[in-house]
Amino acid sequence: MPKARHGAATRKRRKRWVKQAKGYVMGRSNLYQMARETVKRSLSFASRDRKVRKREFRKLWTIRINAACCAEGLTYSRFINGLKKAKVALDRKQLADLAAHDAPAFQELVQLAKGKEDGDGR
């Protein structure tokens, strides 16, 4: 009879992959090879999408700021340029939050940006 040498370690390693595949459909959650392939793929998507999430939020903030600026009669790019000239150190997340929840404060920023935009000689 052959000597069993690594059975417990192999079972433990395989069980780890199958455990990570909990909730997947059909063979993907039960069969080792399919579970391993699916989990590896999902982990790579998770890594990629952590970067994509940051990109998507920045796009959303830009859209919100632009909508609020257009309501005040100013374009997004002129607004951002005016804020840079006025040395206002608010990031897009904070600006989008102001635009959505504190309209009077955002209007003050727009007026400040308009003032700096007009004063550059163009």
C-alpha atoms as a PDB file:
ATOM      1  CA  MET A   1       0.000   0.000   0.000  1.00  0.00           C
ATOM      2  CA  PRO A   2       1.448   3.417  -0.915  1.00  0.00           C
ATOM      3  CA  LYS A   3       2.352   5.847   1.794  1.00  0.00           C
ATOM      4  CA  ALA A   4       0.165   8.955   2.043  1.00  0.00           C
ATOM      5  CA  ARG A   5       2.398  11.992   2.360  1.00  0.00           C
ATOM      6  CA  HIS A   6       0.665  15.268   1.587  1.00  0.00           C
ATOM      7  CA  GLY A   7      -3.043  14.428   1.668  1.00  0.00           C
ATOM      8  CA  ALA A   8      -3.995  16.717   4.528  1.00  0.00           C
ATOM      9  CA  ALA A   9      -2.088  19.711   3.139  1.00  0.00           C
ATOM     10  CA  THR A  10      -3.551  19.225  -0.347  1.00  0.00           C
ATOM     11  CA  ARG A  11      -7.075  18.935   1.032  1.00  0.00           C
ATOM     12  CA  LYS A  12      -6.577  22.059   3.157  1.00  0.00           C
ATOM     13  CA  ARG A  13      -5.262  24.039   0.192  1.00  0.00           C
ATOM     14  CA  ARG A  14      -8.136  22.950  -2.053  1.00  0.00           C
ATOM     15  CA  LYS A  15     -10.690  23.568   0.655  1.00  0.00           C
ATOM     16  CA  ARG A  16      -9.447  27.163   0.948  1.00  0.00           C
ATOM     17  CA  TRP A  17     -10.224  27.845  -2.744  1.00  0.00           C
ATOM     18  CA  VAL A  18     -13.650  26.185  -2.549  1.00  0.00           C
ATOM     19  CA  LYS A  19     -14.449  28.133   0.618  1.00  0.00           C
ATOM     20  CA  GLN A  20     -13.710  31.412  -1.182  1.00  0.00           C
ATOM     21  CA  ALA A  21     -16.141  30.362  -3.925  1.00  0.00           C
ATOM     22  CA  LYS A  22     -19.062  30.224  -1.499  1.00  0.00           C
ATOM     23  CA  GLY A  23     -22.187  31.674  -3.089  1.00  0.00           C
ATOM     24  CA  TYR A  24     -21.142  30.970  -6.657  1.00  0.00           C
ATOM     25  CA  VAL A  25     -23.569  29.039  -8.867  1.00  0.00           C
ATOM     26  CA  MET A  26     -23.452  25.296  -9.592  1.00  0.00           C
ATOM     27  CA  GLY A  27     -20.026  23.711 -10.112  1.00  0.00           C
ATOM     28  CA  ARG A  28     -18.241  26.982  -9.513  1.00  0.00           C
ATOM     29  CA  SER A  29     -18.916  26.645  -5.799  1.00  0.00           C
ATOM     30  CA  ASN A  30     -18.307  22.891  -5.432  1.00  0.00           C
ATOM     31  CA  LEU A  31     -15.744  21.695  -7.977  1.00  0.00           C
ATOM     32  CA  TYR A  32     -12.167  22.554  -7.055  1.00  0.00           C
ATOM     33  CA  GLN A  33     -10.766  23.402 -10.489  1.00  0.00           C
ATOM     34  CA  MET A  34     -13.729  25.501 -11.548  1.00  0.00           C
ATOM     35  CA  ALA A  35     -13.882  27.210  -8.160  1.00  0.00           C
ATOM     36  CA  ARG A  36     -10.181  28.079  -8.300  1.00  0.00           C
ATOM     37  CA  GLU A  37     -10.426  29.566 -11.797  1.00  0.00           C
ATOM     38  CA  THR A  38     -13.489  31.624 -10.853  1.00  0.00           C
ATOM     39  CA  VAL A  39     -11.986  32.906  -7.597  1.00  0.00           C
ATOM     40  CA  LYS A  40      -8.728  33.903  -9.323  1.00  0.00           C
ATOM     41  CA  ARG A  41     -10.709  35.778 -11.942  1.00  0.00           C
ATOM     42  CA  SER A  42     -12.878  37.521  -9.347  1.00  0.00           C
ATOM     43  CA  LEU A  43      -9.799  38.576  -7.349  1.00  0.00           C
ATOM     44  CA  SER A  44      -8.243  40.131 -10.438  1.00  0.00           C
ATOM     45  CA  PHE A  45     -11.486  42.009 -11.168  1.00  0.00           C
ATOM     46  CA  ALA A  46     -11.585  43.210  -7.552  1.00  0.00           C
ATOM     47  CA  SER A  47      -8.038  44.593  -7.839  1.00  0.00           C
ATOM     48  CA  ARG A  48      -8.817  46.341 -11.114  1.00  0.00           C
ATOM     49  CA  ASP A  49     -12.129  47.741  -9.942  1.00  0.00           C
ATOM     50  CA  ARG A  50     -10.695  49.324  -6.803  1.00  0.00           C
ATOM     51  CA  LYS A  51      -8.872  51.660  -9.201  1.00  0.00           C
ATOM     52  CA  VAL A  52     -11.924  52.069 -11.451  1.00  0.00           C
ATOM     53  CA  ARG A  53     -14.104  53.083  -8.490  1.00  0.00           C
ATOM     54  CA  LYS A  54     -11.867  56.094  -7.802  1.00  0.00           C
ATOM     55  CA  ARG A  55     -12.069  57.067 -11.485  1.00  0.00           C
ATOM     56  CA  GLU A  56     -15.867  56.780 -11.519  1.00  0.00           C
ATOM     57  CA  PHE A  57     -16.293  58.919  -8.405  1.00  0.00           C
ATOM     58  CA  ARG A  58     -14.101  61.673  -9.825  1.00  0.00           C
ATOM     59  CA  LYS A  59     -16.252  61.676 -12.979  1.00  0.00           C
ATOM     60  CA  LEU A  60     -19.411  61.895 -10.863  1.00  0.00           C
ATOM     61  CA  TRP A  61     -18.038  64.841  -8.855  1.00  0.00           C
ATOM     62  CA  THR A  62     -17.076  66.652 -12.060  1.00  0.00           C
ATOM     63  CA  ILE A  63     -20.577  66.181 -13.479  1.00  0.00           C
ATOM     64  CA  ARG A  64     -22.187  67.501 -10.273  1.00  0.00           C
ATOM     65  CA  ILE A  65     -19.907  70.544 -10.150  1.00  0.00           C
ATOM     66  CA  ASN A  66     -20.513  71.267 -13.818  1.00  0.00           C
ATOM     67  CA  ALA A  67     -24.303  71.100 -13.367  1.00  0.00           C
ATOM     68  CA  ALA A  68     -24.150  73.500 -10.419  1.00  0.00           C
ATOM     69  CA  CYS A  69     -21.835  75.868 -12.327  1.00  0.00           C
ATOM     70  CA  CYS A  70     -24.075  75.908 -15.399  1.00  0.00           C
ATOM     71  CA  ALA A  71     -27.000  76.914 -13.180  1.00  0.00           C
ATOM     72  CA  GLU A  72     -24.896  79.913 -12.104  1.00  0.00           C
ATOM     73  CA  GLY A  73     -23.917  80.757 -15.698  1.00  0.00           C
ATOM     74  CA  LEU A  74     -20.319  79.532 -15.597  1.00  0.00           C
ATOM     75  CA  THR A  75     -18.579  76.591 -17.234  1.00  0.00           C
ATOM     76  CA  TYR A  76     -16.775  73.932 -15.223  1.00  0.00           C
ATOM     77  CA  SER A  77     -13.354  74.703 -16.653  1.00  0.00           C
ATOM     78  CA  ARG A  78     -13.666  78.456 -16.021  1.00  0.00           C
ATOM     79  CA  PHE A  79     -14.878  77.720 -12.488  1.00  0.00           C
ATOM     80  CA  ILE A  80     -11.915  75.460 -11.682  1.00  0.00           C
ATOM     81  CA  ASN A  81      -9.500  77.927 -13.296  1.00  0.00           C
ATOM     82  CA  GLY A  82     -10.963  80.793 -11.253  1.00  0.00           C
ATOM     83  CA  LEU A  83     -10.638  78.801  -8.034  1.00  0.00           C
ATOM     84  CA  LYS A  84      -7.006  77.993  -8.807  1.00  0.00           C
ATOM     85  CA  LYS A  85      -6.261  81.679  -9.405  1.00  0.00           C
ATOM     86  CA  ALA A  86      -8.046  82.542  -6.141  1.00  0.00           C
ATOM     87  CA  LYS A  87      -5.905  79.895  -4.399  1.00  0.00           C
ATOM     88  CA  VAL A  88      -8.939  77.997  -3.089  1.00  0.00           C
ATOM     89  CA  ALA A  89      -7.735  74.578  -1.929  1.00  0.00           C
ATOM     90  CA  LEU A  90     -10.921  72.512  -2.131  1.00  0.00           C
ATOM     91  CA  ASP A  91     -10.874  69.221  -3.990  1.00  0.00           C
ATOM     92  CA  ARG A  92     -13.605  68.047  -6.338  1.00  0.00           C
ATOM     93  CA  LYS A  93     -15.220  65.817  -3.731  1.00  0.00           C
ATOM     94  CA  GLN A  94     -15.696  68.771  -1.368  1.00  0.00           C
ATOM     95  CA  LEU A  95     -16.891  71.038  -4.186  1.00  0.00           C
ATOM     96  CA  ALA A  96     -19.461  68.461  -5.328  1.00  0.00           C
ATOM     97  CA  ASP A  97     -20.687  68.091  -1.740  1.00  0.00           C
ATOM     98  CA  LEU A  98     -21.071  71.870  -1.428  1.00  0.00           C
ATOM     99  CA  ALA A  99     -22.894  72.012  -4.756  1.00  0.00           C
ATOM    100  CA  ALA A 100     -25.351  69.337  -3.647  1.00  0.00           C
ATOM    101  CA  HIS A 101     -25.941  70.298  -0.014  1.00  0.00           C
ATOM    102  CA  ASP A 102     -24.925  73.932   0.549  1.00  0.00           C
ATOM    103  CA  ALA A 103     -26.015  76.054  -2.428  1.00  0.00           C
ATOM    104  CA  PRO A 104     -25.291  79.481  -0.851  1.00  0.00           C
ATOM    105  CA  ALA A 105     -21.681  78.529  -0.065  1.00  0.00           C
ATOM    106  CA  PHE A 106     -21.232  77.184  -3.586  1.00  0.00           C
ATOM    107  CA  GLN A 107     -22.653  80.418  -5.047  1.00  0.00           C
ATOM    108  CA  GLU A 108     -20.020  82.371  -3.091  1.00  0.00           C
ATOM    109  CA  LEU A 109     -17.319  80.183  -4.603  1.00  0.00           C
ATOM    110  CA  VAL A 110     -18.778  80.787  -8.071  1.00  0.00           C
ATOM    111  CA  GLN A 111     -18.727  84.556  -7.498  1.00  0.00           C
ATOM    112  CA  LEU A 112     -15.124  84.316  -6.284  1.00  0.00           C
ATOM    113  CA  ALA A 113     -14.163  82.279  -9.353  1.00  0.00           C
ATOM    114  CA  LYS A 114     -15.955  84.746 -11.667  1.00  0.00           C
ATOM    115  CA  GLY A 115     -14.094  87.652 -10.060  1.00  0.00           C
ATOM    116  CA  LYS A 116     -10.711  85.983 -10.566  1.00  0.00           C
ATOM    117  CA  GLU A 117     -11.649  84.923 -14.107  1.00  0.00           C
ATOM    118  CA  ASP A 118     -12.543  88.471 -15.125  1.00  0.00           C
ATOM    119  CA  GLY A 119      -9.459  90.001 -13.551  1.00  0.00           C
ATOM    120  CA  ASP A 120      -6.944  88.157 -15.734  1.00  0.00           C
ATOM    121  CA  GLY A 121      -7.232  90.560 -18.685  1.00  0.00           C
ATOM    122  CA  ARG A 122      -9.107  88.348 -21.135  1.00  0.00           C
END
